[in-house]
């Protein structure tokens, strides 16, 4: 990845910070995807709104836009 830095206008610390941030987001999305699949397997006719409500009722704090994007 150090080979890319000379061709960008980013500082080295910013580049690695953003790369780490993206990886953390992917991990969270993978966990949420598993939970969404569980809900959808029990209730296949649920859309993103009802899946969001079901996850919230289970105590998982999640935004409907994020559930929609993942679904």
C-alpha atoms as a PDB file:
ATOM      1  CA  UNK A   1       0.000   0.000   0.000  1.00  0.00           C
ATOM      2  CA  UNK A   2       2.943   2.336   0.466  1.00  0.00           C
ATOM      3  CA  UNK A   3       3.358   2.202  -3.304  1.00  0.00           C
ATOM      4  CA  UNK A   4       0.030   3.993  -3.776  1.00  0.00           C
ATOM      5  CA  UNK A   5       0.735   6.927  -1.458  1.00  0.00           C
ATOM      6  CA  UNK A   6       3.086   8.916  -3.729  1.00  0.00           C
ATOM      7  CA  UNK A   7       0.318   9.072  -6.352  1.00  0.00           C
ATOM      8  CA  UNK A   8      -2.343  10.404  -3.980  1.00  0.00           C
ATOM      9  CA  UNK A   9      -2.715  13.692  -2.179  1.00  0.00           C
ATOM     10  CA  UNK A  10      -3.407  11.921   1.129  1.00  0.00           C
ATOM     11  CA  UNK A  11      -1.107  11.893   4.070  1.00  0.00           C
ATOM     12  CA  UNK A  12       0.074   8.485   5.214  1.00  0.00           C
ATOM     13  CA  UNK A  13      -1.814   8.613   8.534  1.00  0.00           C
ATOM     14  CA  UNK A  14      -5.066   9.598   6.815  1.00  0.00           C
ATOM     15  CA  UNK A  15      -4.728   6.774   4.309  1.00  0.00           C
ATOM     16  CA  UNK A  16      -4.284   4.113   6.988  1.00  0.00           C
ATOM     17  CA  UNK A  17      -6.985   5.618   9.210  1.00  0.00           C
ATOM     18  CA  UNK A  18      -9.524   5.427   6.380  1.00  0.00           C
ATOM     19  CA  UNK A  19      -8.465   1.884   5.461  1.00  0.00           C
ATOM     20  CA  UNK A  20      -8.960   0.745   9.041  1.00  0.00           C
ATOM     21  CA  UNK A  21     -12.313   2.521   9.247  1.00  0.00           C
ATOM     22  CA  UNK A  22     -13.581   0.708   6.148  1.00  0.00           C
ATOM     23  CA  UNK A  23     -12.530  -2.670   7.581  1.00  0.00           C
ATOM     24  CA  UNK A  24     -14.373  -1.976  10.847  1.00  0.00           C
ATOM     25  CA  UNK A  25     -17.520  -1.057   8.918  1.00  0.00           C
ATOM     26  CA  UNK A  26     -17.342  -4.262   6.864  1.00  0.00           C
ATOM     27  CA  UNK A  27     -17.088  -6.358  10.034  1.00  0.00           C
ATOM     28  CA  UNK A  28     -20.125  -4.643  11.552  1.00  0.00           C
ATOM     29  CA  UNK A  29     -22.074  -5.119   8.329  1.00  0.00           C
ATOM     30  CA  UNK A  30     -21.219  -8.835   8.269  1.00  0.00           C
ATOM     31  CA  UNK A  31     -22.530  -9.253  11.831  1.00  0.00           C
ATOM     32  CA  UNK A  32     -25.718  -7.383  10.957  1.00  0.00           C
ATOM     33  CA  UNK A  33     -26.120  -9.475   7.791  1.00  0.00           C
ATOM     34  CA  UNK A  34     -26.131 -12.650   9.891  1.00  0.00           C
ATOM     35  CA  UNK A  35     -28.857 -11.213  12.116  1.00  0.00           C
ATOM     36  CA  UNK A  36     -30.906 -10.096   9.114  1.00  0.00           C
ATOM     37  CA  UNK A  37     -30.619 -13.572   7.582  1.00  0.00           C
ATOM     38  CA  UNK A  38     -31.907 -15.112  10.822  1.00  0.00           C
ATOM     39  CA  UNK A  39     -34.945 -12.834  10.829  1.00  0.00           C
ATOM     40  CA  UNK A  40     -35.588 -13.401   7.110  1.00  0.00           C
ATOM     41  CA  UNK A  41     -35.355 -17.180   7.490  1.00  0.00           C
ATOM     42  CA  UNK A  42     -38.114 -17.100  10.114  1.00  0.00           C
ATOM     43  CA  UNK A  43     -40.195 -14.484   8.281  1.00  0.00           C
ATOM     44  CA  UNK A  44     -39.382 -14.524   4.547  1.00  0.00           C
ATOM     45  CA  UNK A  45     -42.081 -11.997   3.647  1.00  0.00           C
ATOM     46  CA  UNK A  46     -40.617  -9.223   5.859  1.00  0.00           C
ATOM     47  CA  UNK A  47     -39.223  -6.167   4.117  1.00  0.00           C
ATOM     48  CA  UNK A  48     -36.500  -3.884   5.409  1.00  0.00           C
ATOM     49  CA  UNK A  49     -38.906  -1.900   7.601  1.00  0.00           C
ATOM     50  CA  UNK A  50     -40.248  -4.902   9.477  1.00  0.00           C
ATOM     51  CA  UNK A  51     -36.789  -6.437   9.735  1.00  0.00           C
ATOM     52  CA  UNK A  52     -35.588  -3.172  11.282  1.00  0.00           C
ATOM     53  CA  UNK A  53     -38.436  -3.212  13.786  1.00  0.00           C
ATOM     54  CA  UNK A  54     -37.755  -6.853  14.637  1.00  0.00           C
ATOM     55  CA  UNK A  55     -34.048  -6.148  15.225  1.00  0.00           C
ATOM     56  CA  UNK A  56     -34.910  -3.150  17.405  1.00  0.00           C
ATOM     57  CA  UNK A  57     -37.300  -5.292  19.445  1.00  0.00           C
ATOM     58  CA  UNK A  58     -34.378  -7.674  20.041  1.00  0.00           C
ATOM     59  CA  UNK A  59     -32.390  -4.754  21.459  1.00  0.00           C
ATOM     60  CA  UNK A  60     -30.173  -4.115  18.429  1.00  0.00           C
ATOM     61  CA  UNK A  61     -29.802  -0.405  17.691  1.00  0.00           C
ATOM     62  CA  UNK A  62     -29.883  -0.099  13.904  1.00  0.00           C
ATOM     63  CA  UNK A  63     -31.037   2.436  11.325  1.00  0.00           C
ATOM     64  CA  UNK A  64     -33.547   1.468   8.645  1.00  0.00           C
ATOM     65  CA  UNK A  65     -31.287   2.863   5.893  1.00  0.00           C
ATOM     66  CA  UNK A  66     -28.461   0.563   6.922  1.00  0.00           C
ATOM     67  CA  UNK A  67     -30.746  -2.469   6.946  1.00  0.00           C
ATOM     68  CA  UNK A  68     -32.072  -1.496   3.520  1.00  0.00           C
ATOM     69  CA  UNK A  69     -28.550  -1.123   2.105  1.00  0.00           C
ATOM     70  CA  UNK A  70     -27.456  -4.508   3.445  1.00  0.00           C
ATOM     71  CA  UNK A  71     -30.581  -6.293   2.274  1.00  0.00           C
END
